[in-house]
Structures are given as C-alpha cells and as structure tokens.
N, C-alpha and C. Protein backbone atom coordinates (compact mmCIF):
# COMPACT_ATOMS: atom_id res chain seq x y z
N MET A 1 -0.71 2.01 -46.96
CA MET A 1 -2.35 2.79 -46.57
C MET A 1 -2.40 1.36 -45.48
N LEU A 2 -2.14 0.34 -45.41
CA LEU A 2 -2.47 -1.12 -44.84
C LEU A 2 -1.71 -0.70 -43.49
N PHE A 3 -0.34 0.18 -43.29
CA PHE A 3 0.82 0.27 -42.73
C PHE A 3 -0.27 1.16 -41.54
N TYR A 4 -0.76 1.87 -41.63
CA TYR A 4 -1.37 3.02 -41.51
C TYR A 4 -2.31 2.53 -40.65
N ARG A 5 -2.76 2.14 -41.07
CA ARG A 5 -4.33 1.01 -40.46
C ARG A 5 -3.88 0.52 -39.34
N VAL A 6 -3.21 -0.42 -39.07
CA VAL A 6 -2.40 -1.00 -37.93
C VAL A 6 -1.95 -0.59 -37.31
N LEU A 7 -1.17 0.41 -37.64
CA LEU A 7 -0.36 1.61 -36.75
C LEU A 7 -1.03 2.22 -35.46
N LYS A 8 -2.79 2.70 -36.22
CA LYS A 8 -3.41 3.41 -35.59
C LYS A 8 -4.11 2.51 -34.84
N TRP A 9 -3.84 1.23 -34.59
CA TRP A 9 -4.61 0.24 -33.44
C TRP A 9 -3.46 0.28 -32.79
N VAL A 10 -2.23 -0.58 -33.34
CA VAL A 10 -0.99 -0.32 -32.18
C VAL A 10 -0.34 0.40 -31.57
N MET A 11 -0.31 1.73 -32.04
CA MET A 11 -0.18 2.74 -31.20
C MET A 11 -0.88 3.06 -29.47
N PRO A 12 -2.28 3.00 -29.93
CA PRO A 12 -2.67 2.96 -28.68
C PRO A 12 -2.82 2.26 -27.60
N LEU A 13 -2.81 0.63 -28.26
CA LEU A 13 -2.67 -0.50 -27.33
C LEU A 13 -0.93 -0.29 -26.65
N SER A 14 -0.12 -0.12 -27.41
CA SER A 14 1.26 0.16 -27.10
C SER A 14 1.53 1.21 -26.05
N LEU A 15 0.70 2.08 -25.72
CA LEU A 15 0.24 2.84 -25.04
C LEU A 15 -0.23 2.44 -23.36
N LEU A 16 -1.19 2.08 -23.95
CA LEU A 16 -2.29 1.55 -22.37
C LEU A 16 -1.15 0.35 -21.86
N PHE A 17 -0.62 -0.34 -22.55
CA PHE A 17 -0.11 -1.28 -21.73
C PHE A 17 1.37 -0.65 -20.83
N SER A 18 1.88 -0.05 -22.03
CA SER A 18 3.09 0.76 -20.80
C SER A 18 2.85 1.83 -19.79
N VAL A 19 1.56 2.37 -19.70
CA VAL A 19 0.53 2.94 -18.92
C VAL A 19 0.96 1.98 -17.75
N GLN A 20 0.20 0.75 -18.15
CA GLN A 20 -0.17 -0.38 -16.93
C GLN A 20 0.81 -0.69 -16.21
N ALA A 21 2.42 -0.49 -16.92
CA ALA A 21 3.10 -1.03 -16.31
C ALA A 21 4.11 -0.30 -15.30
N ALA A 22 3.14 0.81 -15.08
CA ALA A 22 3.68 1.64 -14.31
C ALA A 22 2.96 1.70 -13.27
N ILE A 23 1.86 1.77 -13.30
CA ILE A 23 1.02 1.47 -11.92
C ILE A 23 1.06 -0.16 -11.39
N ALA A 24 1.92 0.32 -9.91
CA ALA A 24 1.51 -1.15 -9.35
C ALA A 24 0.43 -1.78 -8.94
N ASP A 25 0.18 -2.52 -8.46
CA ASP A 25 -0.92 -3.45 -8.22
C ASP A 25 -1.10 -4.13 -7.16
N VAL A 26 -1.53 -2.88 -6.14
CA VAL A 26 -0.95 -2.62 -4.47
C VAL A 26 -2.45 -3.64 -3.92
N VAL A 27 -1.78 -4.39 -2.76
CA VAL A 27 -2.23 -5.64 -1.47
C VAL A 27 -1.17 -5.22 -0.20
N VAL A 28 -2.97 -5.13 0.76
CA VAL A 28 -2.90 -4.89 1.96
C VAL A 28 -1.92 -6.27 2.62
N ILE A 29 -1.13 -6.68 3.37
CA ILE A 29 -1.20 -8.24 3.65
C ILE A 29 -0.49 -7.74 5.32
N VAL A 30 -0.67 -8.86 6.09
CA VAL A 30 -0.34 -9.19 7.56
C VAL A 30 0.29 -10.59 7.18
N SER A 31 0.76 -10.88 8.69
CA SER A 31 1.49 -11.78 8.66
C SER A 31 0.50 -12.99 8.52
N ALA A 32 1.58 -14.19 7.62
CA ALA A 32 0.35 -15.68 7.65
C ALA A 32 -0.15 -15.84 9.07
N LYS A 33 0.27 -15.71 9.96
CA LYS A 33 0.30 -15.69 11.42
C LYS A 33 -0.92 -15.00 12.31
N SER A 34 -1.55 -13.84 11.47
CA SER A 34 -2.08 -13.43 12.14
C SER A 34 -3.64 -13.91 12.01
N PRO A 35 -4.13 -13.50 13.19
CA PRO A 35 -5.78 -13.84 13.34
C PRO A 35 -6.67 -13.20 11.79
N VAL A 36 -5.81 -11.68 11.45
CA VAL A 36 -6.80 -11.00 10.51
C VAL A 36 -7.09 -11.46 9.34
N VAL A 37 -8.35 -11.83 9.19
CA VAL A 37 -8.29 -12.22 7.81
C VAL A 37 -8.74 -11.53 6.56
N ASN A 38 -9.34 -10.61 6.73
CA ASN A 38 -9.84 -9.05 5.58
C ASN A 38 -10.00 -7.85 6.77
N LEU A 39 -9.59 -6.80 6.03
CA LEU A 39 -10.13 -5.68 6.42
C LEU A 39 -10.73 -4.56 5.06
N SER A 40 -11.05 -3.70 5.52
CA SER A 40 -12.43 -2.54 5.03
C SER A 40 -11.06 -1.45 4.41
N ALA A 41 -10.85 -0.66 3.68
CA ALA A 41 -10.25 0.22 3.15
C ALA A 41 -10.06 1.02 4.29
N ASP A 42 -11.55 1.33 5.01
CA ASP A 42 -11.65 2.41 6.28
C ASP A 42 -10.60 1.50 7.23
N GLN A 43 -11.05 0.87 7.89
CA GLN A 43 -9.89 0.12 8.82
C GLN A 43 -8.77 0.23 8.46
N VAL A 44 -7.94 0.17 7.37
CA VAL A 44 -6.77 0.12 7.04
C VAL A 44 -6.41 1.64 6.88
N SER A 45 -7.02 2.44 6.25
CA SER A 45 -6.91 3.94 6.37
C SER A 45 -6.77 4.55 7.66
N LYS A 46 -7.89 3.58 9.00
CA LYS A 46 -7.43 4.55 10.26
C LYS A 46 -5.69 4.24 10.65
N ILE A 47 -5.90 3.02 10.73
CA ILE A 47 -4.32 2.25 10.90
C ILE A 47 -3.54 3.50 10.72
N PHE A 48 -2.91 3.24 9.13
CA PHE A 48 -1.70 3.84 8.39
C PHE A 48 -2.35 5.77 8.66
N LEU A 49 -3.50 6.15 9.13
CA LEU A 49 -2.87 7.74 9.94
C LEU A 49 -3.29 7.96 11.13
N GLY A 50 -2.87 7.07 11.68
CA GLY A 50 -2.61 7.01 12.77
C GLY A 50 -4.28 6.81 14.10
N LYS A 51 -5.15 6.97 13.56
CA LYS A 51 -6.48 7.02 13.94
C LYS A 51 -6.90 5.78 14.83
N SER A 52 -6.22 4.63 14.51
CA SER A 52 -6.23 3.47 14.80
C SER A 52 -5.55 2.92 15.31
N THR A 53 -4.99 1.93 16.81
CA THR A 53 -3.90 1.69 16.86
C THR A 53 -3.70 0.12 17.23
N SER A 54 -5.09 -0.61 16.41
CA SER A 54 -5.65 -2.06 16.93
C SER A 54 -6.21 -2.22 15.60
N PHE A 55 -5.86 -3.92 15.35
CA PHE A 55 -7.04 -4.69 14.17
C PHE A 55 -8.85 -4.34 15.16
N PRO A 56 -9.78 -4.94 14.41
CA PRO A 56 -11.10 -5.04 14.74
C PRO A 56 -11.18 -5.93 15.89
N ASN A 57 -10.04 -7.02 16.20
CA ASN A 57 -10.08 -7.80 17.30
C ASN A 57 -9.16 -7.32 18.40
N HIS A 58 -9.04 -6.01 18.36
CA HIS A 58 -8.52 -5.28 19.25
C HIS A 58 -6.86 -5.91 19.67
N ASP A 59 -6.26 -6.61 18.86
CA ASP A 59 -4.65 -6.68 18.64
C ASP A 59 -4.48 -5.78 18.36
N PRO A 60 -2.92 -5.29 18.75
CA PRO A 60 -2.42 -3.99 18.19
C PRO A 60 -2.20 -4.52 16.60
N ALA A 61 -1.87 -2.83 16.23
CA ALA A 61 -1.71 -3.02 14.62
C ALA A 61 -0.46 -1.85 14.69
N TYR A 62 0.72 -2.20 13.72
CA TYR A 62 1.88 -2.01 13.56
C TYR A 62 2.04 -1.09 12.05
N PRO A 63 1.79 -0.59 11.55
CA PRO A 63 1.78 0.00 9.89
C PRO A 63 3.09 0.09 9.67
N ILE A 64 3.40 -0.54 8.66
CA ILE A 64 4.87 -0.37 7.93
C ILE A 64 4.61 -0.20 6.62
N ASP A 65 5.29 1.38 6.34
CA ASP A 65 5.08 2.28 4.79
C ASP A 65 6.31 1.39 4.51
N GLN A 66 6.06 2.39 2.53
CA GLN A 66 7.08 2.21 2.27
C GLN A 66 7.55 3.33 1.72
N PRO A 67 8.94 3.46 1.21
CA PRO A 67 9.60 4.73 0.52
C PRO A 67 8.63 5.93 -0.42
N GLN A 68 8.94 7.61 0.17
CA GLN A 68 8.17 8.18 -0.67
C GLN A 68 8.70 8.03 -1.79
N GLY A 69 7.36 8.35 -2.93
CA GLY A 69 8.00 8.40 -4.63
C GLY A 69 8.06 7.08 -5.00
N SER A 70 7.48 6.45 -4.46
CA SER A 70 7.79 4.38 -4.92
C SER A 70 6.26 4.76 -5.45
N ALA A 71 6.15 3.62 -6.15
CA ALA A 71 4.67 3.75 -7.14
C ALA A 71 3.70 2.67 -6.25
N VAL A 72 3.91 2.35 -5.65
CA VAL A 72 3.20 1.37 -4.91
C VAL A 72 2.74 2.06 -3.44
N ARG A 73 3.76 2.78 -2.80
CA ARG A 73 3.21 3.70 -1.89
C ARG A 73 2.17 4.83 -2.58
N ASP A 74 2.34 4.89 -3.67
CA ASP A 74 1.60 6.03 -4.50
C ASP A 74 -0.06 5.84 -4.57
N GLU A 75 0.35 4.73 -5.12
CA GLU A 75 -0.78 3.50 -5.68
C GLU A 75 -1.95 3.23 -3.83
N PHE A 76 -1.15 2.74 -3.19
CA PHE A 76 -1.80 2.40 -1.99
C PHE A 76 -2.90 3.93 -1.14
N TYR A 77 -1.88 4.96 -1.13
CA TYR A 77 -2.58 6.01 -0.54
C TYR A 77 -3.51 6.43 -1.19
N ALA A 78 -2.88 6.66 -2.33
CA ALA A 78 -4.32 7.17 -3.40
C ALA A 78 -5.88 6.38 -3.28
N LYS A 79 -5.31 5.19 -3.38
CA LYS A 79 -6.58 4.05 -3.33
C LYS A 79 -7.05 3.86 -1.79
N VAL A 80 -6.19 3.83 -1.10
CA VAL A 80 -6.99 3.51 0.74
C VAL A 80 -7.30 4.42 1.02
N VAL A 81 -6.32 5.14 0.98
CA VAL A 81 -6.17 6.74 2.03
C VAL A 81 -6.90 7.59 1.79
N HIS A 82 -7.13 8.15 -0.02
CA HIS A 82 -7.17 8.95 -0.89
C HIS A 82 -6.62 10.03 -0.51
N LYS A 83 -5.09 10.19 -0.17
CA LYS A 83 -4.62 11.49 -0.11
C LYS A 83 -3.43 11.47 -1.02
N ASP A 84 -2.83 12.25 -1.94
CA ASP A 84 -1.66 12.09 -2.64
C ASP A 84 -0.40 12.47 -1.24
N ALA A 85 1.13 12.51 -1.89
CA ALA A 85 2.00 12.94 -1.44
C ALA A 85 2.39 13.94 -0.56
N SER A 86 1.56 14.86 -1.32
CA SER A 86 1.89 16.42 -0.25
C SER A 86 0.86 16.42 0.46
N GLN A 87 -0.61 15.82 0.81
CA GLN A 87 -1.46 16.04 1.72
C GLN A 87 -1.45 14.96 2.87
N LEU A 88 -0.18 13.73 2.20
CA LEU A 88 0.34 13.08 3.71
C LEU A 88 1.26 14.14 4.33
N ALA A 89 1.74 14.39 3.96
CA ALA A 89 3.13 15.01 4.42
C ALA A 89 2.88 16.38 5.48
N ALA A 90 1.68 17.23 4.66
CA ALA A 90 1.03 18.37 5.59
C ALA A 90 0.47 17.26 6.83
N TYR A 91 -0.32 16.25 6.45
CA TYR A 91 -0.71 15.65 7.63
C TYR A 91 -0.30 15.35 9.17
N TRP A 92 0.87 14.81 8.43
CA TRP A 92 1.84 14.07 9.08
C TRP A 92 2.64 15.18 10.38
N ALA A 93 2.56 16.20 9.07
CA ALA A 93 3.27 17.51 9.78
C ALA A 93 2.75 17.98 11.39
N LYS A 94 1.60 18.27 11.12
CA LYS A 94 0.34 18.80 11.92
C LYS A 94 0.31 17.40 12.86
N ILE A 95 -0.11 16.36 13.04
CA ILE A 95 0.46 15.41 13.66
C ILE A 95 0.95 15.31 14.69
N ILE A 96 2.45 15.28 14.07
CA ILE A 96 3.71 15.40 14.49
C ILE A 96 4.04 16.47 15.35
N PHE A 97 3.86 17.51 14.94
CA PHE A 97 3.73 19.05 15.27
C PHE A 97 2.84 19.25 16.85
N THR A 98 1.62 18.53 17.13
CA THR A 98 0.48 18.79 17.89
C THR A 98 1.11 17.07 19.15
N GLY A 99 2.09 16.58 18.71
CA GLY A 99 2.39 15.66 19.52
C GLY A 99 0.87 14.54 19.42
N GLU A 100 0.42 14.17 18.73
CA GLU A 100 -0.86 13.32 18.36
C GLU A 100 -0.45 11.62 17.93
N GLY A 101 0.79 11.83 17.57
CA GLY A 101 1.21 10.61 17.01
C GLY A 101 2.51 10.34 16.09
N ARG A 102 2.39 9.39 15.30
CA ARG A 102 3.97 9.52 14.73
C ARG A 102 3.36 8.54 13.23
N PRO A 103 4.25 9.08 12.08
CA PRO A 103 3.76 8.25 11.42
C PRO A 103 4.31 7.07 11.21
N PRO A 104 3.74 5.78 10.01
CA PRO A 104 4.50 4.22 10.48
C PRO A 104 5.64 4.34 10.19
N LYS A 105 6.17 2.86 10.67
CA LYS A 105 7.68 2.66 10.33
C LYS A 105 8.10 2.65 8.83
N LEU A 106 8.93 3.16 8.32
CA LEU A 106 9.27 3.16 7.07
C LEU A 106 10.04 1.65 7.22
N VAL A 107 10.14 1.23 5.71
CA VAL A 107 10.91 0.09 5.42
C VAL A 107 10.94 0.13 3.88
N ALA A 108 12.13 -0.18 3.31
CA ALA A 108 12.75 -0.07 1.78
C ALA A 108 12.15 -1.13 1.06
N GLY A 109 11.06 -1.51 0.13
CA GLY A 109 10.72 -1.78 -0.60
C GLY A 109 9.97 -3.49 -0.16
N ASP A 110 9.27 -3.70 -1.24
CA ASP A 110 8.91 -4.98 -1.20
C ASP A 110 8.93 -6.01 -0.06
N LYS A 111 10.00 -6.34 -0.28
CA LYS A 111 10.77 -7.61 0.05
C LYS A 111 11.22 -7.29 1.91
N ALA A 112 11.63 -6.47 1.80
CA ALA A 112 11.55 -6.09 3.47
C ALA A 112 10.25 -5.51 4.00
N VAL A 113 9.22 -5.60 3.28
CA VAL A 113 7.89 -4.80 4.22
C VAL A 113 7.62 -6.26 4.49
N VAL A 114 7.85 -7.66 3.50
CA VAL A 114 7.30 -8.93 3.55
C VAL A 114 8.25 -9.35 4.87
N LYS A 115 9.40 -9.04 4.54
CA LYS A 115 9.77 -9.94 5.89
C LYS A 115 9.71 -9.28 7.23
N VAL A 116 9.32 -8.08 7.26
CA VAL A 116 9.30 -7.69 8.60
C VAL A 116 7.59 -8.44 8.85
N ILE A 117 6.68 -7.90 8.24
CA ILE A 117 5.48 -8.30 8.48
C ILE A 117 5.66 -10.13 8.89
N ALA A 118 6.07 -10.54 8.63
CA ALA A 118 6.05 -12.17 7.88
C ALA A 118 6.71 -12.71 9.38
N ASP A 119 7.27 -11.67 10.18
CA ASP A 119 8.08 -11.61 11.32
C ASP A 119 7.39 -11.30 12.78
N ASN A 120 6.33 -10.60 12.52
CA ASN A 120 5.21 -9.91 13.16
C ASN A 120 3.82 -10.07 13.17
N PRO A 121 3.25 -10.75 13.51
CA PRO A 121 1.71 -11.23 13.24
C PRO A 121 0.61 -9.94 13.82
N ASP A 122 1.35 -8.90 14.77
CA ASP A 122 0.70 -7.42 14.72
C ASP A 122 1.07 -6.51 13.76
N ALA A 123 1.68 -6.31 12.83
CA ALA A 123 2.26 -5.54 11.81
C ALA A 123 1.58 -5.96 10.92
N ILE A 124 0.86 -4.15 9.79
CA ILE A 124 0.34 -4.54 8.18
C ILE A 124 1.10 -3.78 7.25
N GLY A 125 0.91 -3.97 6.51
CA GLY A 125 1.55 -3.07 5.36
C GLY A 125 1.51 -3.31 3.72
N TYR A 126 1.68 -2.90 2.87
CA TYR A 126 1.30 -2.92 1.44
C TYR A 126 2.47 -3.51 0.66
N ILE A 127 2.41 -4.02 -0.27
CA ILE A 127 3.17 -4.18 -1.38
C ILE A 127 2.53 -4.59 -3.04
N ASP A 128 3.59 -4.68 -3.68
CA ASP A 128 3.29 -5.01 -5.31
C ASP A 128 2.69 -6.51 -5.04
N SER A 129 1.45 -7.08 -5.23
CA SER A 129 1.41 -8.08 -5.54
C SER A 129 1.87 -9.69 -5.84
N SER A 130 2.83 -8.88 -7.12
CA SER A 130 4.13 -9.66 -7.63
C SER A 130 4.82 -9.95 -6.21
N ALA A 131 4.90 -9.77 -5.07
CA ALA A 131 5.73 -9.73 -4.04
C ALA A 131 4.77 -10.64 -2.82
N LEU A 132 3.93 -11.21 -2.98
CA LEU A 132 2.99 -12.37 -2.14
C LEU A 132 4.10 -13.34 -2.43
N ASN A 133 4.14 -13.93 -1.13
CA ASN A 133 4.16 -15.09 -0.51
C ASN A 133 3.38 -15.94 0.17
N HIS A 134 3.79 -17.20 0.78
CA HIS A 134 3.60 -18.19 1.47
C HIS A 134 3.45 -17.55 2.86
N SER A 135 4.23 -16.24 2.89
CA SER A 135 4.39 -16.12 4.68
C SER A 135 3.68 -14.99 4.99
N VAL A 136 2.74 -14.50 3.88
CA VAL A 136 1.87 -13.47 4.60
C VAL A 136 0.52 -13.60 3.64
N ARG A 137 -0.54 -12.58 4.20
CA ARG A 137 -1.67 -13.09 3.61
C ARG A 137 -1.99 -11.81 3.37
N ALA A 138 -3.14 -11.49 1.96
CA ALA A 138 -3.70 -10.36 1.88
C ALA A 138 -4.89 -9.91 2.48
N VAL A 139 -4.88 -9.16 2.93
CA VAL A 139 -6.47 -8.41 3.69
C VAL A 139 -7.12 -7.66 3.15
N LEU A 140 -6.69 -6.67 2.14
CA LEU A 140 -7.28 -5.76 1.29
C LEU A 140 -6.97 -5.76 -0.33
N LEU A 141 -7.56 -6.05 -0.87
CA LEU A 141 -7.47 -5.94 -2.22
C LEU A 141 -8.27 -4.37 -3.22
N PRO A 142 -7.42 -3.28 -3.13
CA PRO A 142 -7.89 -2.09 -3.04
C PRO A 142 -8.25 -1.80 -4.75
C-alpha cells in the first residue's frame, strides 16, 4: 500500500521534470559590445519579422535565427513573436513573394549564434540561457 502512495506522488513529479527538460529556456541576446541594454518583446518581434531594421537607438539590427524544429526556436517564436512554425512559414512566404523583405540569417545552434553575435554589435539573436557567456548580453528574458 505504501508503494502505491509513493508512486502516486512520484509519477506526476517525474512527468513534470521531463516536460521541463524538453522546453528551452530562451533569452534574446546582443553582443556585449552593443549599446543596447534591454528590449521589449514587441521591439524584438518587429526586428525578427522584418518590420523594423534598427534598434531603438537607430543602430542597424541584424536578426540571427536558429534551425527550424529546434526547441529554442519554437519557444522564441511562441513567446516573443506569437507565431508557430506554420504561421511563420506562411508569413515569410508572403513577404518574400511580394518582395517586401527576407527572413533572418539562419545559423546552426546556440554556439554559432553566440559567435556571430559576439563578433557583430549590430546582430541580435536568441539562445538557450545555458549558452550565455561574457561575450553576449541578454536583453530580453521572455
């Protein structure tokens, strides 16, 4: 009987922890050399959707994207841009077709994003918080 009581509490907790592990803890970053200190979700969304090409201080903003299907990308677009993968694909198909813009530069993974952004004060991207280091600065914790 004690075994079933313990199991009743352990099973939901184990499921909770396994779900948490599958969800990325995303942060939006810029270079540590950038004058940008913080941004709102709306400002970041406009940059990643091509609706804005500059930071609030009028410096150019070059968005860096991660591969489709990655957990960090899915979380970023869900929390900040409020679009899922199919909505995003449809959005960019329309924008590209009409010649109104092009999607952010694609880079493979957190380490590559950190490197590109650390080397370019005008770049902005997103990574899992575990990949943060001194070469980049978090400007939004969605």
